[in-house]
Amino acid sequence: MKRVLSVILLIAATAFALNAVADEMKAEKKPVTLKGEIVDTGCYIGHGAMGEKHKDCATKCISNGMPMGLLSGKTLYLLTMNHDNPDAYNQCKDMASAMVEVTGVVAERNGVKAIDVTAVKLAPAAAK
């Protein structure tokens, strides 16, 4: 009887844990808006290149396929293209070295932070 009860408790605990994991996976992440500078990841990570002095190089690197990032404070977010609407991501390609506001869902895996770009605009201070 103890063995049957133990098995039932084990099955119930496993079902509860699996249900909790499934609920967490289903939870929709909310979009956020981050402010920062669009950088080409190769030059920024390789030798810290950023800012207006690096704009021409960043534009060239991005147009040649270098991944883009958003440097927000001391955190670098990889910019990823939204599968349903790539327009905002593609707009970022023309905004190298600009201060922008990027909206999208943030994710992190194995220490890499990324934002799935759904909207982008020049940051208010940069819009002048």
Foldseek 3Di string as FASTA:
>chain_A
DVVVVVVVVVVVVVVVVVVVVVVVVPDDFAKDKAKAAKFQCCCCVVPNDAAPVCQVVRLVCVVVPGWIWGCGPPDTATEAEDPVDRVQVVVVSVRHRFIKIFMAGWDDDPHHIYGHGDHMDGDPVRVD
